[in-house]
């Protein structure tokens, strides 16, 4: 009986150690995620400044960027979607390049 209690106590100690490691790793994960978001935000702001975006254009671009992020879409995915929908052909027609 005492043997089982010792084993249970040992498992509880191991569990506590693991829980502490998980908390530490979660804190590190959250910190890294925040750093990534901050860097991405700064990058977006730099692009906005370089391209001299207007407020309405920026609002539309940010809304689009948010949708793309939520759906994990890359630039290649967007280009593929445009090609699938005939976007390049429509642009040629609009610009009289046919």
PDB file of N, CA and C in Angstrom:
ATOM      1  N   UNK A   1       0.816  -1.188   0.000  1.00  0.00           N
ATOM      2  CA  UNK A   1       0.000   0.000   0.000  1.00  0.00           C
ATOM      3  C   UNK A   1       0.867   1.263   0.000  1.00  0.00           C
ATOM      4  N   UNK A   2       1.894   1.286   0.821  1.00  0.00           N
ATOM      5  CA  UNK A   2       2.783   2.442   0.896  1.00  0.00           C
ATOM      6  C   UNK A   2       3.536   2.624  -0.418  1.00  0.00           C
ATOM      7  N   UNK A   3       3.834   1.487  -1.054  1.00  0.00           N
ATOM      8  CA  UNK A   3       4.540   1.543  -2.334  1.00  0.00           C
ATOM      9  C   UNK A   3       3.708   2.300  -3.368  1.00  0.00           C
ATOM     10  N   UNK A   4       2.416   1.988  -3.427  1.00  0.00           N
ATOM     11  CA  UNK A   4       1.530   2.670  -4.372  1.00  0.00           C
ATOM     12  C   UNK A   4       1.435   4.161  -4.074  1.00  0.00           C
ATOM     13  N   UNK A   5       1.368   4.512  -2.804  1.00  0.00           N
ATOM     14  CA  UNK A   5       1.288   5.924  -2.435  1.00  0.00           C
ATOM     15  C   UNK A   5       2.562   6.664  -2.832  1.00  0.00           C
ATOM     16  N   UNK A   6       3.709   6.008  -2.646  1.00  0.00           N
ATOM     17  CA  UNK A   6       4.981   6.609  -3.061  1.00  0.00           C
ATOM     18  C   UNK A   6       5.007   6.832  -4.575  1.00  0.00           C
ATOM     19  N   UNK A   7       4.477   5.851  -5.297  1.00  0.00           N
ATOM     20  CA  UNK A   7       4.441   5.949  -6.749  1.00  0.00           C
ATOM     21  C   UNK A   7       3.507   7.084  -7.187  1.00  0.00           C
ATOM     22  N   UNK A   8       2.358   7.170  -6.534  1.00  0.00           N
ATOM     23  CA  UNK A   8       1.408   8.246  -6.828  1.00  0.00           C
ATOM     24  C   UNK A   8       2.042   9.600  -6.547  1.00  0.00           C
ATOM     25  N   UNK A   9       2.713   9.725  -5.423  1.00  0.00           N
ATOM     26  CA  UNK A   9       3.379  10.982  -5.068  1.00  0.00           C
ATOM     27  C   UNK A   9       4.450  11.349  -6.096  1.00  0.00           C
ATOM     28  N   UNK A  10       5.192  10.343  -6.556  1.00  0.00           N
ATOM     29  CA  UNK A  10       6.234  10.587  -7.555  1.00  0.00           C
ATOM     30  C   UNK A  10       5.613  11.079  -8.862  1.00  0.00           C
ATOM     31  N   UNK A  11       4.495  10.468  -9.252  1.00  0.00           N
ATOM     32  CA  UNK A  11       3.800  10.904 -10.464  1.00  0.00           C
ATOM     33  C   UNK A  11       3.282  12.333 -10.321  1.00  0.00           C
ATOM     34  N   UNK A  12       2.790  12.668  -9.139  1.00  0.00           N
ATOM     35  CA  UNK A  12       2.291  14.023  -8.903  1.00  0.00           C
ATOM     36  C   UNK A  12       3.417  15.047  -9.024  1.00  0.00           C
ATOM     37  N   UNK A  13       4.587  14.686  -8.524  1.00  0.00           N
ATOM     38  CA  UNK A  13       5.750  15.576  -8.630  1.00  0.00           C
ATOM     39  C   UNK A  13       6.114  15.773 -10.100  1.00  0.00           C
ATOM     40  N   UNK A  14       6.148  14.669 -10.859  1.00  0.00           N
ATOM     41  CA  UNK A  14       6.455  14.761 -12.290  1.00  0.00           C
ATOM     42  C   UNK A  14       5.416  15.615 -13.012  1.00  0.00           C
ATOM     43  N   UNK A  15       4.152  15.422 -12.650  1.00  0.00           N
ATOM     44  CA  UNK A  15       3.081  16.190 -13.267  1.00  0.00           C
ATOM     45  C   UNK A  15       3.234  17.680 -12.976  1.00  0.00           C
ATOM     46  N   UNK A  16       3.581  18.024 -11.750  1.00  0.00           N
ATOM     47  CA  UNK A  16       3.804  19.427 -11.395  1.00  0.00           C
ATOM     48  C   UNK A  16       4.949  20.027 -12.208  1.00  0.00           C
ATOM     49  N   UNK A  17       6.012  19.263 -12.378  1.00  0.00           N
ATOM     50  CA  UNK A  17       7.160  19.734 -13.160  1.00  0.00           C
ATOM     51  C   UNK A  17       6.741  19.988 -14.604  1.00  0.00           C
ATOM     52  N   UNK A  18       5.991  19.053 -15.162  1.00  0.00           N
ATOM     53  CA  UNK A  18       5.526  19.202 -16.546  1.00  0.00           C
ATOM     54  C   UNK A  18       4.612  20.413 -16.679  1.00  0.00           C
ATOM     55  N   UNK A  19       3.706  20.598 -15.724  1.00  0.00           N
ATOM     56  CA  UNK A  19       2.802  21.754 -15.766  1.00  0.00           C
ATOM     57  C   UNK A  19       3.567  23.067 -15.715  1.00  0.00           C
ATOM     58  N   UNK A  20       4.622  23.127 -14.906  1.00  0.00           N
ATOM     59  CA  UNK A  20       5.446  24.337 -14.835  1.00  0.00           C
ATOM     60  C   UNK A  20       6.151  24.592 -16.166  1.00  0.00           C
ATOM     61  N   UNK A  21       6.644  23.511 -16.794  1.00  0.00           N
ATOM     62  CA  UNK A  21       7.297  23.654 -18.096  1.00  0.00           C
ATOM     63  C   UNK A  21       6.307  24.157 -19.140  1.00  0.00           C
ATOM     64  N   UNK A  22       5.086  23.618 -19.100  1.00  0.00           N
ATOM     65  CA  UNK A  22       4.054  24.041 -20.046  1.00  0.00           C
ATOM     66  C   UNK A  22       3.760  25.528 -19.872  1.00  0.00           C
ATOM     67  N   UNK A  23       3.637  25.981 -18.629  1.00  0.00           N
ATOM     68  CA  UNK A  23       3.365  27.397 -18.375  1.00  0.00           C
ATOM     69  C   UNK A  23       4.496  28.267 -18.914  1.00  0.00           C
ATOM     70  N   UNK A  24       5.730  27.830 -18.684  1.00  0.00           N
ATOM     71  CA  UNK A  24       6.889  28.578 -19.168  1.00  0.00           C
ATOM     72  C   UNK A  24       6.901  28.626 -20.694  1.00  0.00           C
ATOM     73  N   UNK A  25       6.656  27.482 -21.315  1.00  0.00           N
ATOM     74  CA  UNK A  25       6.647  27.430 -22.775  1.00  0.00           C
ATOM     75  C   UNK A  25       5.503  28.255 -23.360  1.00  0.00           C
ATOM     76  N   UNK A  26       4.346  28.244 -22.724  1.00  0.00           N
ATOM     77  CA  UNK A  26       3.228  29.064 -23.192  1.00  0.00           C
ATOM     78  C   UNK A  26       3.559  30.547 -23.102  1.00  0.00           C
ATOM     79  N   UNK A  27       4.236  30.934 -22.031  1.00  0.00           N
ATOM     80  CA  UNK A  27       4.639  32.335 -21.882  1.00  0.00           C
ATOM     81  C   UNK A  27       5.626  32.720 -22.988  1.00  0.00           C
ATOM     82  N   UNK A  28       6.585  31.834 -23.264  1.00  0.00           N
ATOM     83  CA  UNK A  28       7.546  32.092 -24.336  1.00  0.00           C
ATOM     84  C   UNK A  28       6.848  32.159 -25.689  1.00  0.00           C
ATOM     85  N   UNK A  29       5.898  31.253 -25.912  1.00  0.00           N
ATOM     86  CA  UNK A  29       5.134  31.225 -27.163  1.00  0.00           C
ATOM     87  C   UNK A  29       4.376  32.534 -27.351  1.00  0.00           C
ATOM     88  N   UNK A  30       3.694  32.978 -26.304  1.00  0.00           N
ATOM     89  CA  UNK A  30       2.928  34.227 -26.386  1.00  0.00           C
ATOM     90  C   UNK A  30       3.833  35.413 -26.676  1.00  0.00           C
ATOM     91  N   UNK A  31       4.997  35.435 -26.049  1.00  0.00           N
ATOM     92  CA  UNK A  31       5.945  36.526 -26.263  1.00  0.00           C
ATOM     93  C   UNK A  31       6.423  36.541 -27.719  1.00  0.00           C
ATOM     94  N   UNK A  32       6.746  35.365 -28.257  1.00  0.00           N
ATOM     95  CA  UNK A  32       7.189  35.285 -29.646  1.00  0.00           C
ATOM     96  C   UNK A  32       6.076  35.668 -30.616  1.00  0.00           C
ATOM     97  N   UNK A  33       4.855  35.230 -30.339  1.00  0.00           N
ATOM     98  CA  UNK A  33       3.730  35.593 -31.200  1.00  0.00           C
ATOM     99  C   UNK A  33       3.525  37.100 -31.219  1.00  0.00           C
ATOM    100  N   UNK A  34       3.679  37.746 -30.071  1.00  0.00           N
ATOM    101  CA  UNK A  34       3.536  39.202 -30.001  1.00  0.00           C
ATOM    102  C   UNK A  34       4.651  39.883 -30.795  1.00  0.00           C
ATOM    103  N   UNK A  35       5.876  39.370 -30.672  1.00  0.00           N
ATOM    104  CA  UNK A  35       6.988  39.946 -31.427  1.00  0.00           C
ATOM    105  C   UNK A  35       6.745  39.825 -32.929  1.00  0.00           C
ATOM    106  N   UNK A  36       6.220  38.682 -33.344  1.00  0.00           N
ATOM    107  CA  UNK A  36       5.926  38.477 -34.764  1.00  0.00           C
ATOM    108  C   UNK A  36       4.858  39.457 -35.228  1.00  0.00           C
ATOM    109  N   UNK A  37       3.777  39.588 -34.455  1.00  0.00           N
ATOM    110  CA  UNK A  37       2.702  40.522 -34.824  1.00  0.00           C
ATOM    111  C   UNK A  37       3.231  41.946 -34.910  1.00  0.00           C
ATOM    112  N   UNK A  38       4.055  42.338 -33.941  1.00  0.00           N
ATOM    113  CA  UNK A  38       4.617  43.690 -33.944  1.00  0.00           C
ATOM    114  C   UNK A  38       5.484  43.924 -35.182  1.00  0.00           C
ATOM    115  N   UNK A  39       6.312  42.938 -35.526  1.00  0.00           N
ATOM    116  CA  UNK A  39       7.169  43.072 -36.703  1.00  0.00           C
ATOM    117  C   UNK A  39       6.333  43.142 -37.976  1.00  0.00           C
ATOM    118  N   UNK A  40       5.285  42.320 -38.058  1.00  0.00           N
ATOM    119  CA  UNK A  40       4.410  42.356 -39.230  1.00  0.00           C
ATOM    120  C   UNK A  40       3.707  43.703 -39.331  1.00  0.00           C
ATOM    121  N   UNK A  41       3.265  44.232 -38.206  1.00  0.00           N
ATOM    122  CA  UNK A  41       2.608  45.539 -38.202  1.00  0.00           C
ATOM    123  C   UNK A  41       3.560  46.635 -38.668  1.00  0.00           C
ATOM    124  N   UNK A  42       4.798  46.593 -38.178  1.00  0.00           N
ATOM    125  CA  UNK A  42       5.789  47.588 -38.604  1.00  0.00           C
ATOM    126  C   UNK A  42       6.061  47.469 -40.103  1.00  0.00           C
ATOM    127  N   UNK A  43       6.116  46.245 -40.592  1.00  0.00           N
ATOM    128  CA  UNK A  43       6.349  46.027 -42.019  1.00  0.00           C
ATOM    129  C   UNK A  43       5.207  46.610 -42.844  1.00  0.00           C
ATOM    130  N   UNK A  44       3.984  46.400 -42.385  1.00  0.00           N
ATOM    131  CA  UNK A  44       2.819  46.948 -43.085  1.00  0.00           C
ATOM    132  C   UNK A  44       2.886  48.469 -43.099  1.00  0.00           C
ATOM    133  N   UNK A  45       3.230  49.061 -41.968  1.00  0.00           N
ATOM    134  CA  UNK A  45       3.324  50.521 -41.885  1.00  0.00           C
ATOM    135  C   UNK A  45       4.401  51.041 -42.834  1.00  0.00           C
ATOM    136  N   UNK A  46       5.520  50.345 -42.920  1.00  0.00           N
ATOM    137  CA  UNK A  46       6.578  50.759 -43.845  1.00  0.00           C
ATOM    138  C   UNK A  46       6.099  50.705 -45.290  1.00  0.00           C
ATOM    139  N   UNK A  47       5.372  49.659 -45.644  1.00  0.00           N
ATOM    140  CA  UNK A  47       4.843  49.542 -47.002  1.00  0.00           C
ATOM    141  C   UNK A  47       3.872  50.680 -47.283  1.00  0.00           C
ATOM    142  N   UNK A  48       3.032  50.997 -46.308  1.00  0.00           N
ATOM    143  CA  UNK A  48       2.061  52.090 -46.458  1.00  0.00           C
ATOM    144  C   UNK A  48       2.794  53.402 -46.705  1.00  0.00           C
ATOM    145  N   UNK A  49       3.809  53.666 -45.925  1.00  0.00           N
ATOM    146  CA  UNK A  49       4.564  54.921 -46.081  1.00  0.00           C
ATOM    147  C   UNK A  49       5.269  54.983 -47.428  1.00  0.00           C
ATOM    148  N   UNK A  50       5.876  53.868 -47.816  1.00  0.00           N
ATOM    149  CA  UNK A  50       6.611  53.845 -49.085  1.00  0.00           C
ATOM    150  C   UNK A  50       5.685  54.049 -50.278  1.00  0.00           C
ATOM    151  N   UNK A  51       4.469  53.543 -50.181  1.00  0.00           N
ATOM    152  CA  UNK A  51       3.529  53.638 -51.301  1.00  0.00           C
ATOM    153  C   UNK A  51       2.590  54.829 -51.185  1.00  0.00           C
ATOM    154  N   UNK A  52       2.780  55.643 -50.158  1.00  0.00           N
ATOM    155  CA  UNK A  52       1.972  56.845 -49.941  1.00  0.00           C
ATOM    156  C   UNK A  52       0.476  56.553 -50.072  1.00  0.00           C
ATOM    157  N   UNK A  53       0.034  55.546 -49.336  1.00  0.00           N
ATOM    158  CA  UNK A  53      -1.377  55.127 -49.392  1.00  0.00           C
ATOM    159  C   UNK A  53      -2.292  56.183 -48.780  1.00  0.00           C
ATOM    160  N   UNK A  54      -3.509  56.246 -49.306  1.00  0.00           N
ATOM    161  CA  UNK A  54      -4.531  57.110 -48.725  1.00  0.00           C
ATOM    162  C   UNK A  54      -5.286  56.317 -47.663  1.00  0.00           C
ATOM    163  N   UNK A  55      -6.037  57.011 -46.837  1.00  0.00           N
ATOM    164  CA  UNK A  55      -6.780  56.339 -45.768  1.00  0.00           C
ATOM    165  C   UNK A  55      -7.782  55.325 -46.323  1.00  0.00           C
ATOM    166  N   UNK A  56      -8.603  55.687 -47.333  1.00  0.00           N
ATOM    167  CA  UNK A  56      -9.543  54.683 -47.865  1.00  0.00           C
ATOM    168  C   UNK A  56      -8.831  53.473 -48.475  1.00  0.00           C
ATOM    169  N   UNK A  57      -7.751  53.727 -49.209  1.00  0.00           N
ATOM    170  CA  UNK A  57      -6.993  52.626 -49.804  1.00  0.00           C
ATOM    171  C   UNK A  57      -6.412  51.745 -48.717  1.00  0.00           C
ATOM    172  N   UNK A  58      -5.860  52.385 -47.700  1.00  0.00           N
ATOM    173  CA  UNK A  58      -5.278  51.642 -46.591  1.00  0.00           C
ATOM    174  C   UNK A  58      -6.336  50.804 -45.882  1.00  0.00           C
ATOM    175  N   UNK A  59      -7.507  51.365 -45.655  1.00  0.00           N
ATOM    176  CA  UNK A  59      -8.581  50.626 -44.984  1.00  0.00           C
ATOM    177  C   UNK A  59      -8.968  49.393 -45.791  1.00  0.00           C
ATOM    178  N   UNK A  60      -9.094  49.563 -47.099  1.00  0.00           N
ATOM    179  CA  UNK A  60      -9.428  48.426 -47.960  1.00  0.00           C
ATOM    180  C   UNK A  60      -8.321  47.381 -47.951  1.00  0.00           C
ATOM    181  N   UNK A  61      -7.078  47.845 -48.027  1.00  0.00           N
ATOM    182  CA  UNK A  61      -5.944  46.925 -48.030  1.00  0.00           C
ATOM    183  C   UNK A  61      -5.841  46.163 -46.714  1.00  0.00           C
ATOM    184  N   UNK A  62      -6.059  46.868 -45.601  1.00  0.00           N
ATOM    185  CA  UNK A  62      -5.994  46.205 -44.299  1.00  0.00           C
ATOM    186  C   UNK A  62      -7.112  45.184 -44.138  1.00  0.00           C
ATOM    187  N   UNK A  63      -8.296  45.517 -44.635  1.00  0.00           N
ATOM    188  CA  UNK A  63      -9.409  44.565 -44.575  1.00  0.00           C
ATOM    189  C   UNK A  63      -9.074  43.325 -45.391  1.00  0.00           C
ATOM    190  N   UNK A  64      -8.513  43.530 -46.567  1.00  0.00           N
ATOM    191  CA  UNK A  64      -8.122  42.408 -47.410  1.00  0.00           C
ATOM    192  C   UNK A  64      -7.015  41.591 -46.748  1.00  0.00           C
ATOM    193  N   UNK A  65      -6.020  42.267 -46.185  1.00  0.00           N
ATOM    194  CA  UNK A  65      -4.927  41.569 -45.506  1.00  0.00           C
ATOM    195  C   UNK A  65      -5.452  40.736 -44.347  1.00  0.00           C
ATOM    196  N   UNK A  66      -6.415  41.276 -43.623  1.00  0.00           N
ATOM    197  CA  UNK A  66      -7.014  40.548 -42.496  1.00  0.00           C
ATOM    198  C   UNK A  66      -7.700  39.273 -42.990  1.00  0.00           C
ATOM    199  N   UNK A  67      -8.442  39.385 -44.067  1.00  0.00           N
ATOM    200  CA  UNK A  67      -9.130  38.215 -44.634  1.00  0.00           C
ATOM    201  C   UNK A  67      -8.109  37.181 -45.110  1.00  0.00           C
ATOM    202  N   UNK A  68      -7.061  37.644 -45.774  1.00  0.00           N
ATOM    203  CA  UNK A  68      -6.034  36.726 -46.264  1.00  0.00           C
ATOM    204  C   UNK A  68      -5.346  36.007 -45.117  1.00  0.00           C
ATOM    205  N   UNK A  69      -5.045  36.736 -44.046  1.00  0.00           N
ATOM    206  CA  UNK A  69      -4.410  36.123 -42.876  1.00  0.00           C
ATOM    207  C   UNK A  69      -5.314  35.091 -42.223  1.00  0.00           C
ATOM    208  N   UNK A  70      -6.588  35.447 -42.068  1.00  0.00           N
ATOM    209  CA  UNK A  70      -7.535  34.528 -41.436  1.00  0.00           C
ATOM    210  C   UNK A  70      -7.637  33.219 -42.201  1.00  0.00           C
ATOM    211  N   UNK A  71      -7.504  33.304 -43.511  1.00  0.00           N
ATOM    212  CA  UNK A  71      -7.650  32.119 -44.351  1.00  0.00           C
ATOM    213  C   UNK A  71      -6.310  31.515 -44.769  1.00  0.00           C
ATOM    214  N   UNK A  72      -5.229  32.007 -44.186  1.00  0.00           N
ATOM    215  CA  UNK A  72      -3.878  31.508 -44.473  1.00  0.00           C
ATOM    216  C   UNK A  72      -3.572  31.485 -45.972  1.00  0.00           C
ATOM    217  N   UNK A  73      -3.967  32.535 -46.673  1.00  0.00           N
ATOM    218  CA  UNK A  73      -3.716  32.627 -48.104  1.00  0.00           C
ATOM    219  C   UNK A  73      -2.408  33.366 -48.355  1.00  0.00           C
ATOM    220  N   UNK A  74      -1.618  32.835 -49.261  1.00  0.00           N
ATOM    221  CA  UNK A  74      -0.351  33.458 -49.625  1.00  0.00           C
ATOM    222  C   UNK A  74      -0.525  34.250 -50.913  1.00  0.00           C
ATOM    223  N   UNK A  75       0.516  34.965 -51.291  1.00  0.00           N
ATOM    224  CA  UNK A  75       0.485  35.721 -52.535  1.00  0.00           C
ATOM    225  C   UNK A  75       0.262  34.777 -53.711  1.00  0.00           C
ATOM    226  N   UNK A  76       0.912  33.623 -53.676  1.00  0.00           N
ATOM    227  CA  UNK A  76       0.746  32.642 -54.754  1.00  0.00           C
ATOM    228  C   UNK A  76      -0.701  32.161 -54.838  1.00  0.00           C
ATOM    229  N   UNK A  77      -1.338  31.966 -53.682  1.00  0.00           N
ATOM    230  CA  UNK A  77      -2.748  31.550 -53.665  1.00  0.00           C
ATOM    231  C   UNK A  77      -3.631  32.603 -54.321  1.00  0.00           C
ATOM    232  N   UNK A  78      -3.383  33.863 -54.005  1.00  0.00           N
ATOM    233  CA  UNK A  78      -4.188  34.954 -54.561  1.00  0.00           C
ATOM    234  C   UNK A  78      -3.996  35.035 -56.074  1.00  0.00           C
ATOM    235  N   UNK A  79      -2.760  34.931 -56.524  1.00  0.00           N
ATOM    236  CA  UNK A  79      -2.490  34.968 -57.966  1.00  0.00           C
ATOM    237  C   UNK A  79      -3.187  33.810 -58.664  1.00  0.00           C
ATOM    238  N   UNK A  80      -3.140  32.635 -58.051  1.00  0.00           N
ATOM    239  CA  UNK A  80      -3.813  31.468 -58.628  1.00  0.00           C
ATOM    240  C   UNK A  80      -5.323  31.697 -58.715  1.00  0.00           C
ATOM    241  N   UNK A  81      -5.901  32.279 -57.663  1.00  0.00           N
ATOM    242  CA  UNK A  81      -7.335  32.573 -57.684  1.00  0.00           C
ATOM    243  C   UNK A  81      -7.683  33.561 -58.790  1.00  0.00           C
ATOM    244  N   UNK A  82      -6.865  34.583 -58.937  1.00  0.00           N
ATOM    245  CA  UNK A  82      -7.106  35.579 -59.985  1.00  0.00           C
ATOM    246  C   UNK A  82      -7.028  34.920 -61.357  1.00  0.00           C
ATOM    247  N   UNK A  83      -6.022  34.076 -61.543  1.00  0.00           N
ATOM    248  CA  UNK A  83      -5.888  33.381 -62.826  1.00  0.00           C
ATOM    249  C   UNK A  83      -7.074  32.459 -63.076  1.00  0.00           C
ATOM    250  N   UNK A  84      -7.506  31.740 -62.040  1.00  0.00           N
ATOM    251  CA  UNK A  84      -8.650  30.827 -62.178  1.00  0.00           C
ATOM    252  C   UNK A  84      -9.925  31.570 -62.544  1.00  0.00           C
ATOM    253  N   UNK A  85     -10.060  32.783 -62.053  1.00  0.00           N
ATOM    254  CA  UNK A  85     -11.268  33.565 -62.318  1.00  0.00           C
ATOM    255  C   UNK A  85     -11.152  34.408 -63.587  1.00  0.00           C
ATOM    256  N   UNK A  86     -10.036  34.279 -64.288  1.00  0.00           N
ATOM    257  CA  UNK A  86      -9.860  35.035 -65.526  1.00  0.00           C
ATOM    258  C   UNK A  86      -9.492  36.479 -65.284  1.00  0.00           C
ATOM    259  N   UNK A  87      -8.888  36.770 -64.171  1.00  0.00           N
ATOM    260  CA  UNK A  87      -8.548  38.143 -63.811  1.00  0.00           C
ATOM    261  C   UNK A  87      -7.630  38.815 -64.796  1.00  0.00           C
ATOM    262  N   UNK A  88      -6.642  38.103 -65.280  1.00  0.00           N
ATOM    263  CA  UNK A  88      -5.704  38.715 -66.218  1.00  0.00           C
ATOM    264  C   UNK A  88      -6.391  39.047 -67.535  1.00  0.00           C
ATOM    265  N   UNK A  89      -7.264  38.173 -68.002  1.00  0.00           N
ATOM    266  CA  UNK A  89      -7.990  38.446 -69.243  1.00  0.00           C
ATOM    267  C   UNK A  89      -8.898  39.658 -69.084  1.00  0.00           C
ATOM    268  N   UNK A  90      -9.594  39.743 -67.950  1.00  0.00           N
ATOM    269  CA  UNK A  90     -10.469  40.888 -67.696  1.00  0.00           C
ATOM    270  C   UNK A  90      -9.673  42.184 -67.669  1.00  0.00           C
ATOM    271  N   UNK A  91      -8.491  42.161 -67.069  1.00  0.00           N
ATOM    272  CA  UNK A  91      -7.659  43.359 -67.017  1.00  0.00           C
ATOM    273  C   UNK A  91      -7.202  43.758 -68.414  1.00  0.00           C
ATOM    274  N   UNK A  92      -6.864  42.772 -69.246  1.00  0.00           N
ATOM    275  CA  UNK A  92      -6.433  43.075 -70.609  1.00  0.00           C
ATOM    276  C   UNK A  92      -7.570  43.730 -71.387  1.00  0.00           C
ATOM    277  N   UNK A  93      -8.778  43.198 -71.216  1.00  0.00           N
ATOM    278  CA  UNK A  93      -9.938  43.759 -71.913  1.00  0.00           C
ATOM    279  C   UNK A  93     -10.181  45.189 -71.448  1.00  0.00           C
ATOM    280  N   UNK A  94     -10.132  45.417 -70.135  1.00  0.00           N
ATOM    281  CA  UNK A  94     -10.366  46.753 -69.590  1.00  0.00           C
ATOM    282  C   UNK A  94      -9.313  47.745 -70.064  1.00  0.00           C
ATOM    283  N   UNK A  95      -8.098  47.274 -70.257  1.00  0.00           N
ATOM    284  CA  UNK A  95      -7.009  48.152 -70.675  1.00  0.00           C
ATOM    285  C   UNK A  95      -6.805  48.127 -72.191  1.00  0.00           C
ATOM    286  N   UNK A  96      -7.754  47.549 -72.920  1.00  0.00           N
ATOM    287  CA  UNK A  96      -7.695  47.466 -74.384  1.00  0.00           C
ATOM    288  C   UNK A  96      -6.412  46.821 -74.881  1.00  0.00           C
ATOM    289  N   UNK A  97      -5.971  45.762 -74.209  1.00  0.00           N
ATOM    290  CA  UNK A  97      -4.746  45.078 -74.601  1.00  0.00           C
ATOM    291  C   UNK A  97      -5.041  43.768 -75.325  1.00  0.00           C
ATOM    292  N   UNK A  98      -6.263  43.566 -75.749  1.00  0.00           N
ATOM    293  CA  UNK A  98      -6.628  42.296 -76.389  1.00  0.00           C
ATOM    294  C   UNK A  98      -6.181  42.275 -77.820  1.00  0.00           C
TER     295      UNK A  98
END
